[in-house]
């Protein structure tokens, strides 16, 4: 099959603010951007792109799709992301959970997942 995920697109009310957050969060660089759309890419080209699309429509309800960000130090990464402006969301965790549910500056949900297999 010749099909693969090249980019996941996240809507944002403030493109510049979202670029600053996600490049700091992921260590990605801006590959291409204009006033309505930006493509962020992993400099080592290991992972798929994250694209940001300006939207005047406010976020409503829970995301139907979200990012799972894998980390070798989940709590360290959660603290770092909170320092960048992300927030922990209230969530009913089951015993032994491996993830923390968070939101970016626009309220888009994502999870930070503990994984011994994540590569730095």
PDB file of N, CA and C in Angstrom:
ATOM      1  N   UNK A   1       0.842  -1.179   0.000  1.00  0.00           N
ATOM      2  CA  UNK A   1       0.000   0.000   0.000  1.00  0.00           C
ATOM      3  C   UNK A   1       0.884   1.238   0.000  1.00  0.00           C
ATOM      4  N   UNK A   2       0.540   2.255  -0.758  1.00  0.00           N
ATOM      5  CA  UNK A   2       1.325   3.476  -0.859  1.00  0.00           C
ATOM      6  C   UNK A   2       0.750   4.630  -0.072  1.00  0.00           C
ATOM      7  N   UNK A   3       0.030   4.357   1.005  1.00  0.00           N
ATOM      8  CA  UNK A   3      -0.631   5.402   1.779  1.00  0.00           C
ATOM      9  C   UNK A   3      -0.028   5.486   3.168  1.00  0.00           C
ATOM     10  N   UNK A   4       0.236   6.713   3.658  1.00  0.00           N
ATOM     11  CA  UNK A   4       0.762   6.895   5.007  1.00  0.00           C
ATOM     12  C   UNK A   4       0.324   8.247   5.545  1.00  0.00           C
ATOM     13  N   UNK A   5       0.380   8.406   6.857  1.00  0.00           N
ATOM     14  CA  UNK A   5       0.034   9.681   7.477  1.00  0.00           C
ATOM     15  C   UNK A   5       1.227  10.616   7.312  1.00  0.00           C
ATOM     16  N   UNK A   6       1.031  11.684   6.583  1.00  0.00           N
ATOM     17  CA  UNK A   6       2.087  12.662   6.369  1.00  0.00           C
ATOM     18  C   UNK A   6       2.001  13.810   7.346  1.00  0.00           C
ATOM     19  N   UNK A   7       0.763  14.134   7.766  1.00  0.00           N
ATOM     20  CA  UNK A   7       0.575  15.250   8.681  1.00  0.00           C
ATOM     21  C   UNK A   7      -0.767  15.104   9.380  1.00  0.00           C
ATOM     22  N   UNK A   8      -0.796  15.544  10.616  1.00  0.00           N
ATOM     23  CA  UNK A   8      -2.039  15.678  11.354  1.00  0.00           C
ATOM     24  C   UNK A   8      -2.297  17.172  11.466  1.00  0.00           C
ATOM     25  N   UNK A   9      -3.524  17.604  11.193  1.00  0.00           N
ATOM     26  CA  UNK A   9      -3.854  19.028  11.173  1.00  0.00           C
ATOM     27  C   UNK A   9      -4.645  19.386  12.426  1.00  0.00           C
ATOM     28  N   UNK A  10      -4.208  20.444  13.093  1.00  0.00           N
ATOM     29  CA  UNK A  10      -4.864  20.951  14.297  1.00  0.00           C
ATOM     30  C   UNK A  10      -5.341  22.368  14.003  1.00  0.00           C
ATOM     31  N   UNK A  11      -6.603  22.635  14.294  1.00  0.00           N
ATOM     32  CA  UNK A  11      -7.139  23.991  14.111  1.00  0.00           C
ATOM     33  C   UNK A  11      -6.748  24.869  15.293  1.00  0.00           C
ATOM     34  N   UNK A  12      -6.550  26.159  15.004  1.00  0.00           N
ATOM     35  CA  UNK A  12      -6.134  27.107  16.028  1.00  0.00           C
ATOM     36  C   UNK A  12      -6.692  28.488  15.745  1.00  0.00           C
ATOM     37  N   UNK A  13      -7.010  29.208  16.796  1.00  0.00           N
ATOM     38  CA  UNK A  13      -7.491  30.583  16.650  1.00  0.00           C
ATOM     39  C   UNK A  13      -6.331  31.558  16.469  1.00  0.00           C
ATOM     40  N   UNK A  14      -5.148  31.192  16.978  1.00  0.00           N
ATOM     41  CA  UNK A  14      -3.976  32.066  16.924  1.00  0.00           C
ATOM     42  C   UNK A  14      -2.800  31.264  16.384  1.00  0.00           C
ATOM     43  N   UNK A  15      -2.552  31.397  15.100  1.00  0.00           N
ATOM     44  CA  UNK A  15      -1.548  30.578  14.422  1.00  0.00           C
ATOM     45  C   UNK A  15      -0.150  30.808  14.991  1.00  0.00           C
ATOM     46  N   UNK A  16       0.241  32.050  15.208  1.00  0.00           N
ATOM     47  CA  UNK A  16       1.583  32.337  15.721  1.00  0.00           C
ATOM     48  C   UNK A  16       1.785  31.728  17.110  1.00  0.00           C
ATOM     49  N   UNK A  17       0.789  31.853  17.974  1.00  0.00           N
ATOM     50  CA  UNK A  17       0.874  31.288  19.320  1.00  0.00           C
ATOM     51  C   UNK A  17       0.962  29.769  19.251  1.00  0.00           C
ATOM     52  N   UNK A  18       0.176  29.151  18.363  1.00  0.00           N
ATOM     53  CA  UNK A  18       0.205  27.693  18.209  1.00  0.00           C
ATOM     54  C   UNK A  18       1.553  27.223  17.659  1.00  0.00           C
ATOM     55  N   UNK A  19       2.114  27.956  16.717  1.00  0.00           N
ATOM     56  CA  UNK A  19       3.438  27.616  16.189  1.00  0.00           C
ATOM     57  C   UNK A  19       4.461  27.643  17.321  1.00  0.00           C
ATOM     58  N   UNK A  20       4.434  28.689  18.132  1.00  0.00           N
ATOM     59  CA  UNK A  20       5.390  28.808  19.239  1.00  0.00           C
ATOM     60  C   UNK A  20       5.236  27.638  20.214  1.00  0.00           C
ATOM     61  N   UNK A  21       3.984  27.296  20.562  1.00  0.00           N
ATOM     62  CA  UNK A  21       3.753  26.203  21.503  1.00  0.00           C
ATOM     63  C   UNK A  21       4.221  24.871  20.940  1.00  0.00           C
ATOM     64  N   UNK A  22       3.753  24.521  19.750  1.00  0.00           N
ATOM     65  CA  UNK A  22       4.024  23.185  19.220  1.00  0.00           C
ATOM     66  C   UNK A  22       5.478  23.003  18.799  1.00  0.00           C
ATOM     67  N   UNK A  23       6.153  24.033  18.316  1.00  0.00           N
ATOM     68  CA  UNK A  23       7.578  23.870  18.002  1.00  0.00           C
ATOM     69  C   UNK A  23       8.376  23.663  19.288  1.00  0.00           C
ATOM     70  N   UNK A  24       8.018  24.388  20.360  1.00  0.00           N
ATOM     71  CA  UNK A  24       8.696  24.191  21.644  1.00  0.00           C
ATOM     72  C   UNK A  24       8.350  22.834  22.244  1.00  0.00           C
ATOM     73  N   UNK A  25       7.092  22.415  22.122  1.00  0.00           N
ATOM     74  CA  UNK A  25       6.657  21.150  22.704  1.00  0.00           C
ATOM     75  C   UNK A  25       7.328  19.957  22.036  1.00  0.00           C
ATOM     76  N   UNK A  26       7.423  19.976  20.712  1.00  0.00           N
ATOM     77  CA  UNK A  26       7.890  18.810  19.959  1.00  0.00           C
ATOM     78  C   UNK A  26       9.329  18.912  19.450  1.00  0.00           C
ATOM     79  N   UNK A  27       9.913  20.105  19.509  1.00  0.00           N
ATOM     80  CA  UNK A  27      11.234  20.280  18.914  1.00  0.00           C
ATOM     81  C   UNK A  27      11.177  20.299  17.400  1.00  0.00           C
ATOM     82  N   UNK A  28      10.000  20.530  16.849  1.00  0.00           N
ATOM     83  CA  UNK A  28       9.819  20.608  15.402  1.00  0.00           C
ATOM     84  C   UNK A  28      10.240  21.994  14.900  1.00  0.00           C
ATOM     85  N   UNK A  29      10.437  22.095  13.590  1.00  0.00           N
ATOM     86  CA  UNK A  29      10.721  23.373  12.952  1.00  0.00           C
ATOM     87  C   UNK A  29       9.609  23.686  11.955  1.00  0.00           C
ATOM     88  N   UNK A  30       9.489  24.948  11.599  1.00  0.00           N
ATOM     89  CA  UNK A  30       8.489  25.364  10.617  1.00  0.00           C
ATOM     90  C   UNK A  30       9.045  25.065   9.230  1.00  0.00           C
ATOM     91  N   UNK A  31       8.366  24.199   8.503  1.00  0.00           N
ATOM     92  CA  UNK A  31       8.771  23.874   7.134  1.00  0.00           C
ATOM     93  C   UNK A  31       8.193  24.867   6.154  1.00  0.00           C
ATOM     94  N   UNK A  32       6.937  25.258   6.396  1.00  0.00           N
ATOM     95  CA  UNK A  32       6.251  26.161   5.489  1.00  0.00           C
ATOM     96  C   UNK A  32       5.131  26.825   6.279  1.00  0.00           C
ATOM     97  N   UNK A  33       4.916  28.119   6.052  1.00  0.00           N
ATOM     98  CA  UNK A  33       3.839  28.807   6.777  1.00  0.00           C
ATOM     99  C   UNK A  33       3.395  30.036   6.012  1.00  0.00           C
ATOM    100  N   UNK A  34       2.110  30.348   6.154  1.00  0.00           N
ATOM    101  CA  UNK A  34       1.568  31.622   5.711  1.00  0.00           C
ATOM    102  C   UNK A  34       0.612  32.091   6.802  1.00  0.00           C
ATOM    103  N   UNK A  35      -0.246  33.032   6.510  1.00  0.00           N
ATOM    104  CA  UNK A  35      -1.119  33.582   7.557  1.00  0.00           C
ATOM    105  C   UNK A  35      -2.261  32.647   7.960  1.00  0.00           C
ATOM    106  N   UNK A  36      -2.482  31.568   7.232  1.00  0.00           N
ATOM    107  CA  UNK A  36      -3.596  30.663   7.564  1.00  0.00           C
ATOM    108  C   UNK A  36      -3.198  29.217   7.827  1.00  0.00           C
ATOM    109  N   UNK A  37      -1.959  28.836   7.493  1.00  0.00           N
ATOM    110  CA  UNK A  37      -1.585  27.425   7.584  1.00  0.00           C
ATOM    111  C   UNK A  37      -0.082  27.304   7.789  1.00  0.00           C
ATOM    112  N   UNK A  38       0.320  26.379   8.640  1.00  0.00           N
ATOM    113  CA  UNK A  38       1.747  26.123   8.858  1.00  0.00           C
ATOM    114  C   UNK A  38       1.984  24.623   8.934  1.00  0.00           C
ATOM    115  N   UNK A  39       3.094  24.188   8.369  1.00  0.00           N
ATOM    116  CA  UNK A  39       3.506  22.793   8.451  1.00  0.00           C
ATOM    117  C   UNK A  39       4.749  22.745   9.332  1.00  0.00           C
ATOM    118  N   UNK A  40       4.652  21.998  10.429  1.00  0.00           N
ATOM    119  CA  UNK A  40       5.779  21.801  11.333  1.00  0.00           C
ATOM    120  C   UNK A  40       6.337  20.412  11.072  1.00  0.00           C
ATOM    121  N   UNK A  41       7.658  20.304  11.095  1.00  0.00           N
ATOM    122  CA  UNK A  41       8.283  19.029  10.756  1.00  0.00           C
ATOM    123  C   UNK A  41       9.383  18.681  11.743  1.00  0.00           C
ATOM    124  N   UNK A  42       9.556  17.393  11.955  1.00  0.00           N
ATOM    125  CA  UNK A  42      10.640  16.879  12.769  1.00  0.00           C
ATOM    126  C   UNK A  42      11.936  17.093  11.996  1.00  0.00           C
ATOM    127  N   UNK A  43      12.913  17.813  12.559  1.00  0.00           N
ATOM    128  CA  UNK A  43      14.151  18.065  11.812  1.00  0.00           C
ATOM    129  C   UNK A  43      14.870  16.791  11.370  1.00  0.00           C
ATOM    130  N   UNK A  44      14.707  15.713  12.113  1.00  0.00           N
ATOM    131  CA  UNK A  44      15.353  14.449  11.753  1.00  0.00           C
ATOM    132  C   UNK A  44      14.472  13.597  10.838  1.00  0.00           C
ATOM    133  N   UNK A  45      13.270  14.081  10.536  1.00  0.00           N
ATOM    134  CA  UNK A  45      12.323  13.387   9.647  1.00  0.00           C
ATOM    135  C   UNK A  45      11.961  11.984  10.143  1.00  0.00           C
ATOM    136  N   UNK A  46      11.897  11.814  11.475  1.00  0.00           N
ATOM    137  CA  UNK A  46      11.529  10.515  12.041  1.00  0.00           C
ATOM    138  C   UNK A  46      10.018  10.361  12.134  1.00  0.00           C
ATOM    139  N   UNK A  47       9.326  11.449  12.383  1.00  0.00           N
ATOM    140  CA  UNK A  47       7.896  11.393  12.693  1.00  0.00           C
ATOM    141  C   UNK A  47       7.109  12.200  11.672  1.00  0.00           C
ATOM    142  N   UNK A  48       5.808  11.978  11.626  1.00  0.00           N
ATOM    143  CA  UNK A  48       4.973  12.710  10.675  1.00  0.00           C
ATOM    144  C   UNK A  48       4.885  14.182  11.065  1.00  0.00           C
ATOM    145  N   UNK A  49       4.488  14.990  10.115  1.00  0.00           N
ATOM    146  CA  UNK A  49       4.348  16.427  10.336  1.00  0.00           C
ATOM    147  C   UNK A  49       3.144  16.720  11.221  1.00  0.00           C
ATOM    148  N   UNK A  50       3.169  17.896  11.829  1.00  0.00           N
ATOM    149  CA  UNK A  50       2.014  18.455  12.509  1.00  0.00           C
ATOM    150  C   UNK A  50       1.718  19.763  11.796  1.00  0.00           C
ATOM    151  N   UNK A  51       0.514  19.894  11.268  1.00  0.00           N
ATOM    152  CA  UNK A  51       0.133  21.117  10.572  1.00  0.00           C
ATOM    153  C   UNK A  51      -0.858  21.886  11.427  1.00  0.00           C
ATOM    154  N   UNK A  52      -0.802  23.191  11.323  1.00  0.00           N
ATOM    155  CA  UNK A  52      -1.682  24.080  12.075  1.00  0.00           C
ATOM    156  C   UNK A  52      -2.471  24.912  11.087  1.00  0.00           C
ATOM    157  N   UNK A  53      -3.768  24.951  11.285  1.00  0.00           N
ATOM    158  CA  UNK A  53      -4.663  25.663  10.373  1.00  0.00           C
ATOM    159  C   UNK A  53      -5.460  26.692  11.161  1.00  0.00           C
ATOM    160  N   UNK A  54      -5.402  27.939  10.706  1.00  0.00           N
ATOM    161  CA  UNK A  54      -6.170  28.982  11.379  1.00  0.00           C
ATOM    162  C   UNK A  54      -7.663  28.736  11.192  1.00  0.00           C
ATOM    163  N   UNK A  55      -8.411  28.937  12.277  1.00  0.00           N
ATOM    164  CA  UNK A  55      -9.859  28.797  12.231  1.00  0.00           C
ATOM    165  C   UNK A  55     -10.486  29.835  13.143  1.00  0.00           C
ATOM    166  N   UNK A  56     -11.464  30.568  12.629  1.00  0.00           N
ATOM    167  CA  UNK A  56     -12.209  31.506  13.463  1.00  0.00           C
ATOM    168  C   UNK A  56     -13.280  30.794  14.279  1.00  0.00           C
ATOM    169  N   UNK A  57     -13.572  29.555  13.924  1.00  0.00           N
ATOM    170  CA  UNK A  57     -14.568  28.759  14.626  1.00  0.00           C
ATOM    171  C   UNK A  57     -13.987  28.300  15.964  1.00  0.00           C
ATOM    172  N   UNK A  58     -14.636  28.637  17.081  1.00  0.00           N
ATOM    173  CA  UNK A  58     -14.101  28.197  18.372  1.00  0.00           C
ATOM    174  C   UNK A  58     -14.255  26.692  18.557  1.00  0.00           C
ATOM    175  N   UNK A  59     -13.358  26.112  19.332  1.00  0.00           N
ATOM    176  CA  UNK A  59     -13.444  24.686  19.637  1.00  0.00           C
ATOM    177  C   UNK A  59     -14.686  24.436  20.479  1.00  0.00           C
ATOM    178  N   UNK A  60     -15.386  23.385  20.142  1.00  0.00           N
ATOM    179  CA  UNK A  60     -16.580  23.000  20.893  1.00  0.00           C
ATOM    180  C   UNK A  60     -16.482  21.527  21.256  1.00  0.00           C
ATOM    181  N   UNK A  61     -16.736  21.205  22.500  1.00  0.00           N
ATOM    182  CA  UNK A  61     -16.763  19.809  22.915  1.00  0.00           C
ATOM    183  C   UNK A  61     -15.413  19.136  22.858  1.00  0.00           C
ATOM    184  N   UNK A  62     -15.460  17.834  22.961  1.00  0.00           N
ATOM    185  CA  UNK A  62     -14.250  17.019  22.970  1.00  0.00           C
ATOM    186  C   UNK A  62     -13.805  16.723  21.545  1.00  0.00           C
ATOM    187  N   UNK A  63     -12.489  16.693  21.331  1.00  0.00           N
ATOM    188  CA  UNK A  63     -11.946  16.355  20.012  1.00  0.00           C
ATOM    189  C   UNK A  63     -12.350  14.942  19.611  1.00  0.00           C
ATOM    190  N   UNK A  64     -12.632  14.749  18.350  1.00  0.00           N
ATOM    191  CA  UNK A  64     -12.909  13.406  17.827  1.00  0.00           C
ATOM    192  C   UNK A  64     -11.600  12.680  17.522  1.00  0.00           C
ATOM    193  N   UNK A  65     -10.541  13.432  17.269  1.00  0.00           N
ATOM    194  CA  UNK A  65      -9.213  12.886  17.015  1.00  0.00           C
ATOM    195  C   UNK A  65      -8.247  13.671  17.898  1.00  0.00           C
ATOM    196  N   UNK A  66      -7.267  12.978  18.462  1.00  0.00           N
ATOM    197  CA  UNK A  66      -6.270  13.689  19.270  1.00  0.00           C
ATOM    198  C   UNK A  66      -4.904  13.056  19.066  1.00  0.00           C
ATOM    199  N   UNK A  67      -3.864  13.772  19.484  1.00  0.00           N
ATOM    200  CA  UNK A  67      -2.500  13.276  19.405  1.00  0.00           C
ATOM    201  C   UNK A  67      -2.169  12.484  20.657  1.00  0.00           C
ATOM    202  N   UNK A  68      -1.452  11.379  20.508  1.00  0.00           N
ATOM    203  CA  UNK A  68      -0.817  10.679  21.615  1.00  0.00           C
ATOM    204  C   UNK A  68       0.678  10.931  21.468  1.00  0.00           C
ATOM    205  N   UNK A  69       1.239  11.643  22.432  1.00  0.00           N
ATOM    206  CA  UNK A  69       2.663  11.961  22.425  1.00  0.00           C
ATOM    207  C   UNK A  69       3.360  11.002  23.379  1.00  0.00           C
ATOM    208  N   UNK A  70       4.281  10.191  22.884  1.00  0.00           N
ATOM    209  CA  UNK A  70       4.970   9.186  23.691  1.00  0.00           C
ATOM    210  C   UNK A  70       6.214   9.797  24.317  1.00  0.00           C
ATOM    211  N   UNK A  71       6.457   9.436  25.578  1.00  0.00           N
ATOM    212  CA  UNK A  71       7.586   9.993  26.317  1.00  0.00           C
ATOM    213  C   UNK A  71       8.231   8.923  27.182  1.00  0.00           C
ATOM    214  N   UNK A  72       9.542   9.018  27.371  1.00  0.00           N
ATOM    215  CA  UNK A  72      10.220   8.124  28.296  1.00  0.00           C
ATOM    216  C   UNK A  72      10.114   8.644  29.724  1.00  0.00           C
ATOM    217  N   UNK A  73       9.789   9.928  29.900  1.00  0.00           N
ATOM    218  CA  UNK A  73       9.575  10.529  31.218  1.00  0.00           C
ATOM    219  C   UNK A  73       8.268  11.317  31.165  1.00  0.00           C
ATOM    220  N   UNK A  74       7.162  10.614  31.310  1.00  0.00           N
ATOM    221  CA  UNK A  74       5.840  11.236  31.171  1.00  0.00           C
ATOM    222  C   UNK A  74       5.675  12.436  32.089  1.00  0.00           C
ATOM    223  N   UNK A  75       5.939  12.275  33.372  1.00  0.00           N
ATOM    224  CA  UNK A  75       5.702  13.374  34.315  1.00  0.00           C
ATOM    225  C   UNK A  75       6.619  14.563  34.040  1.00  0.00           C
ATOM    226  N   UNK A  76       7.851  14.301  33.640  1.00  0.00           N
ATOM    227  CA  UNK A  76       8.757  15.393  33.269  1.00  0.00           C
ATOM    228  C   UNK A  76       8.246  16.161  32.064  1.00  0.00           C
ATOM    229  N   UNK A  77       7.744  15.436  31.073  1.00  0.00           N
ATOM    230  CA  UNK A  77       7.208  16.083  29.873  1.00  0.00           C
ATOM    231  C   UNK A  77       5.918  16.832  30.175  1.00  0.00           C
ATOM    232  N   UNK A  78       5.063  16.259  31.032  1.00  0.00           N
ATOM    233  CA  UNK A  78       3.822  16.944  31.412  1.00  0.00           C
ATOM    234  C   UNK A  78       4.167  18.272  32.083  1.00  0.00           C
ATOM    235  N   UNK A  79       5.119  18.259  32.991  1.00  0.00           N
ATOM    236  CA  UNK A  79       5.528  19.499  33.674  1.00  0.00           C
ATOM    237  C   UNK A  79       6.091  20.506  32.677  1.00  0.00           C
ATOM    238  N   UNK A  80       6.908  20.040  31.737  1.00  0.00           N
ATOM    239  CA  UNK A  80       7.482  20.935  30.723  1.00  0.00           C
ATOM    240  C   UNK A  80       6.385  21.546  29.858  1.00  0.00           C
ATOM    241  N   UNK A  81       5.421  20.725  29.448  1.00  0.00           N
ATOM    242  CA  UNK A  81       4.320  21.215  28.620  1.00  0.00           C
ATOM    243  C   UNK A  81       3.437  22.198  29.391  1.00  0.00           C
ATOM    244  N   UNK A  82       3.229  21.957  30.675  1.00  0.00           N
ATOM    245  CA  UNK A  82       2.489  22.923  31.499  1.00  0.00           C
ATOM    246  C   UNK A  82       3.227  24.254  31.543  1.00  0.00           C
ATOM    247  N   UNK A  83       4.550  24.206  31.606  1.00  0.00           N
ATOM    248  CA  UNK A  83       5.356  25.422  31.574  1.00  0.00           C
ATOM    249  C   UNK A  83       5.210  26.195  30.274  1.00  0.00           C
ATOM    250  N   UNK A  84       4.855  25.491  29.192  1.00  0.00           N
ATOM    251  CA  UNK A  84       4.630  26.131  27.894  1.00  0.00           C
ATOM    252  C   UNK A  84       3.200  26.643  27.747  1.00  0.00           C
ATOM    253  N   UNK A  85       2.335  26.330  28.729  1.00  0.00           N
ATOM    254  CA  UNK A  85       0.956  26.811  28.683  1.00  0.00           C
ATOM    255  C   UNK A  85      -0.103  25.741  28.530  1.00  0.00           C
ATOM    256  N   UNK A  86       0.291  24.479  28.344  1.00  0.00           N
ATOM    257  CA  UNK A  86      -0.692  23.394  28.265  1.00  0.00           C
ATOM    258  C   UNK A  86      -1.307  23.174  29.646  1.00  0.00           C
ATOM    259  N   UNK A  87      -2.472  22.568  29.662  1.00  0.00           N
ATOM    260  CA  UNK A  87      -3.136  22.286  30.929  1.00  0.00           C
ATOM    261  C   UNK A  87      -3.507  20.808  31.026  1.00  0.00           C
ATOM    262  N   UNK A  88      -3.474  20.292  32.257  1.00  0.00           N
ATOM    263  CA  UNK A  88      -3.991  18.945  32.516  1.00  0.00           C
ATOM    264  C   UNK A  88      -5.501  19.045  32.549  1.00  0.00           C
ATOM    265  N   UNK A  89      -6.166  18.105  31.936  1.00  0.00           N
ATOM    266  CA  UNK A  89      -7.625  18.096  31.951  1.00  0.00           C
ATOM    267  C   UNK A  89      -8.133  17.106  32.998  1.00  0.00           C
ATOM    268  N   UNK A  90      -9.272  17.417  33.606  1.00  0.00           N
ATOM    269  CA  UNK A  90      -9.846  16.451  34.535  1.00  0.00           C
ATOM    270  C   UNK A  90     -10.235  15.178  33.774  1.00  0.00           C
ATOM    271  N   UNK A  91      -9.879  14.043  34.318  1.00  0.00           N
ATOM    272  CA  UNK A  91     -10.106  12.786  33.612  1.00  0.00           C
ATOM    273  C   UNK A  91     -10.249  11.669  34.628  1.00  0.00           C
ATOM    274  N   UNK A  92     -11.091  10.707  34.340  1.00  0.00           N
ATOM    275  CA  UNK A  92     -11.235   9.527  35.187  1.00  0.00           C
ATOM    276  C   UNK A  92     -10.226   8.481  34.713  1.00  0.00           C
ATOM    277  N   UNK A  93      -9.120   8.379  35.417  1.00  0.00           N
ATOM    278  CA  UNK A  93      -8.082   7.426  35.042  1.00  0.00           C
ATOM    279  C   UNK A  93      -8.344   6.079  35.693  1.00  0.00           C
ATOM    280  N   UNK A  94      -8.098   5.022  34.930  1.00  0.00           N
ATOM    281  CA  UNK A  94      -8.169   3.685  35.493  1.00  0.00           C
ATOM    282  C   UNK A  94      -6.836   3.364  36.152  1.00  0.00           C
ATOM    283  N   UNK A  95      -6.855   2.467  37.117  1.00  0.00           N
ATOM    284  CA  UNK A  95      -5.640   2.082  37.810  1.00  0.00           C
ATOM    285  C   UNK A  95      -4.600   1.579  36.812  1.00  0.00           C
ATOM    286  N   UNK A  96      -3.357   2.016  37.001  1.00  0.00           N
ATOM    287  CA  UNK A  96      -2.272   1.597  36.121  1.00  0.00           C
ATOM    288  C   UNK A  96      -2.218   2.345  34.803  1.00  0.00           C
ATOM    289  N   UNK A  97      -2.939   3.458  34.687  1.00  0.00           N
ATOM    290  CA  UNK A  97      -2.958   4.213  33.427  1.00  0.00           C
ATOM    291  C   UNK A  97      -1.547   4.626  33.031  1.00  0.00           C
ATOM    292  N   UNK A  98      -1.338   4.780  31.750  1.00  0.00           N
ATOM    293  CA  UNK A  98      -0.019   5.160  31.238  1.00  0.00           C
ATOM    294  C   UNK A  98      -0.015   6.536  30.593  1.00  0.00           C
ATOM    295  N   UNK A  99      -1.102   7.300  30.746  1.00  0.00           N
ATOM    296  CA  UNK A  99      -1.223   8.562  30.025  1.00  0.00           C
ATOM    297  C   UNK A  99      -1.765   9.672  30.928  1.00  0.00           C
ATOM    298  N   UNK A 100      -1.539  10.905  30.485  1.00  0.00           N
ATOM    299  CA  UNK A 100      -2.115  12.091  31.104  1.00  0.00           C
ATOM    300  C   UNK A 100      -2.815  12.862  29.993  1.00  0.00           C
ATOM    301  N   UNK A 101      -4.062  13.236  30.221  1.00  0.00           N
ATOM    302  CA  UNK A 101      -4.832  13.980  29.227  1.00  0.00           C
ATOM    303  C   UNK A 101      -4.588  15.469  29.444  1.00  0.00           C
ATOM    304  N   UNK A 102      -4.215  16.146  28.365  1.00  0.00           N
ATOM    305  CA  UNK A 102      -3.878  17.567  28.429  1.00  0.00           C
ATOM    306  C   UNK A 102      -4.585  18.314  27.302  1.00  0.00           C
ATOM    307  N   UNK A 103      -4.464  19.643  27.333  1.00  0.00           N
ATOM    308  CA  UNK A 103      -4.995  20.481  26.260  1.00  0.00           C
ATOM    309  C   UNK A 103      -3.954  21.535  25.897  1.00  0.00           C
ATOM    310  N   UNK A 104      -3.902  21.857  24.606  1.00  0.00           N
ATOM    311  CA  UNK A 104      -3.011  22.933  24.163  1.00  0.00           C
ATOM    312  C   UNK A 104      -3.670  24.280  24.447  1.00  0.00           C
ATOM    313  N   UNK A 105      -3.090  25.343  23.948  1.00  0.00           N
ATOM    314  CA  UNK A 105      -3.566  26.692  24.247  1.00  0.00           C
ATOM    315  C   UNK A 105      -4.938  26.993  23.661  1.00  0.00           C
ATOM    316  N   UNK A 106      -5.370  26.216  22.663  1.00  0.00           N
ATOM    317  CA  UNK A 106      -6.697  26.380  22.068  1.00  0.00           C
ATOM    318  C   UNK A 106      -7.711  25.405  22.657  1.00  0.00           C
ATOM    319  N   UNK A 107      -7.282  24.588  23.606  1.00  0.00           N
ATOM    320  CA  UNK A 107      -8.178  23.607  24.207  1.00  0.00           C
ATOM    321  C   UNK A 107      -8.213  22.277  23.480  1.00  0.00           C
ATOM    322  N   UNK A 108      -7.371  22.089  22.461  1.00  0.00           N
ATOM    323  CA  UNK A 108      -7.310  20.813  21.743  1.00  0.00           C
ATOM    324  C   UNK A 108      -6.661  19.765  22.637  1.00  0.00           C
ATOM    325  N   UNK A 109      -7.359  18.638  22.834  1.00  0.00           N
ATOM    326  CA  UNK A 109      -6.852  17.598  23.707  1.00  0.00           C
ATOM    327  C   UNK A 109      -5.722  16.814  23.055  1.00  0.00           C
ATOM    328  N   UNK A 110      -4.803  16.376  23.904  1.00  0.00           N
ATOM    329  CA  UNK A 110      -3.759  15.433  23.511  1.00  0.00           C
ATOM    330  C   UNK A 110      -3.358  14.661  24.759  1.00  0.00           C
ATOM    331  N   UNK A 111      -2.711  13.529  24.568  1.00  0.00           N
ATOM    332  CA  UNK A 111      -2.271  12.716  25.695  1.00  0.00           C
ATOM    333  C   UNK A 111      -0.757  12.601  25.685  1.00  0.00           C
ATOM    334  N   UNK A 112      -0.184  12.577  26.863  1.00  0.00           N
ATOM    335  CA  UNK A 112       1.232  12.257  27.025  1.00  0.00           C
ATOM    336  C   UNK A 112       1.255  10.846  27.603  1.00  0.00           C
ATOM    337  N   UNK A 113       1.860   9.936  26.847  1.00  0.00           N
ATOM    338  CA  UNK A 113       1.820   8.511  27.170  1.00  0.00           C
ATOM    339  C   UNK A 113       3.216   8.047  27.579  1.00  0.00           C
ATOM    340  N   UNK A 114       3.293   7.354  28.734  1.00  0.00           N
ATOM    341  CA  UNK A 114       4.549   6.770  29.169  1.00  0.00           C
ATOM    342  C   UNK A 114       4.888   5.594  28.282  1.00  0.00           C
ATOM    343  N   UNK A 115       6.063   5.629  27.689  1.00  0.00           N
ATOM    344  CA  UNK A 115       6.476   4.530  26.817  1.00  0.00           C
ATOM    345  C   UNK A 115       7.963   4.275  26.964  1.00  0.00           C
ATOM    346  N   UNK A 116       8.347   3.068  27.317  1.00  0.00           N
ATOM    347  CA  UNK A 116       9.777   2.751  27.380  1.00  0.00           C
ATOM    348  C   UNK A 116      10.399   2.656  25.993  1.00  0.00           C
ATOM    349  N   UNK A 117       9.578   2.673  24.956  1.00  0.00           N
ATOM    350  CA  UNK A 117      10.084   2.518  23.595  1.00  0.00           C
ATOM    351  C   UNK A 117      10.264   3.834  22.852  1.00  0.00           C
ATOM    352  N   UNK A 118       9.858   4.961  23.457  1.00  0.00           N
ATOM    353  CA  UNK A 118       9.993   6.265  22.787  1.00  0.00           C
ATOM    354  C   UNK A 118      11.467   6.584  22.609  1.00  0.00           C
ATOM    355  N   UNK A 119      11.790   7.183  21.489  1.00  0.00           N
ATOM    356  CA  UNK A 119      13.163   7.576  21.187  1.00  0.00           C
ATOM    357  C   UNK A 119      13.275   9.078  21.285  1.00  0.00           C
ATOM    358  N   UNK A 120      14.375   9.541  21.791  1.00  0.00           N
ATOM    359  CA  UNK A 120      14.598  10.988  21.938  1.00  0.00           C
ATOM    360  C   UNK A 120      15.130  11.612  20.709  1.00  0.00           C
TER     361      UNK A 120
END
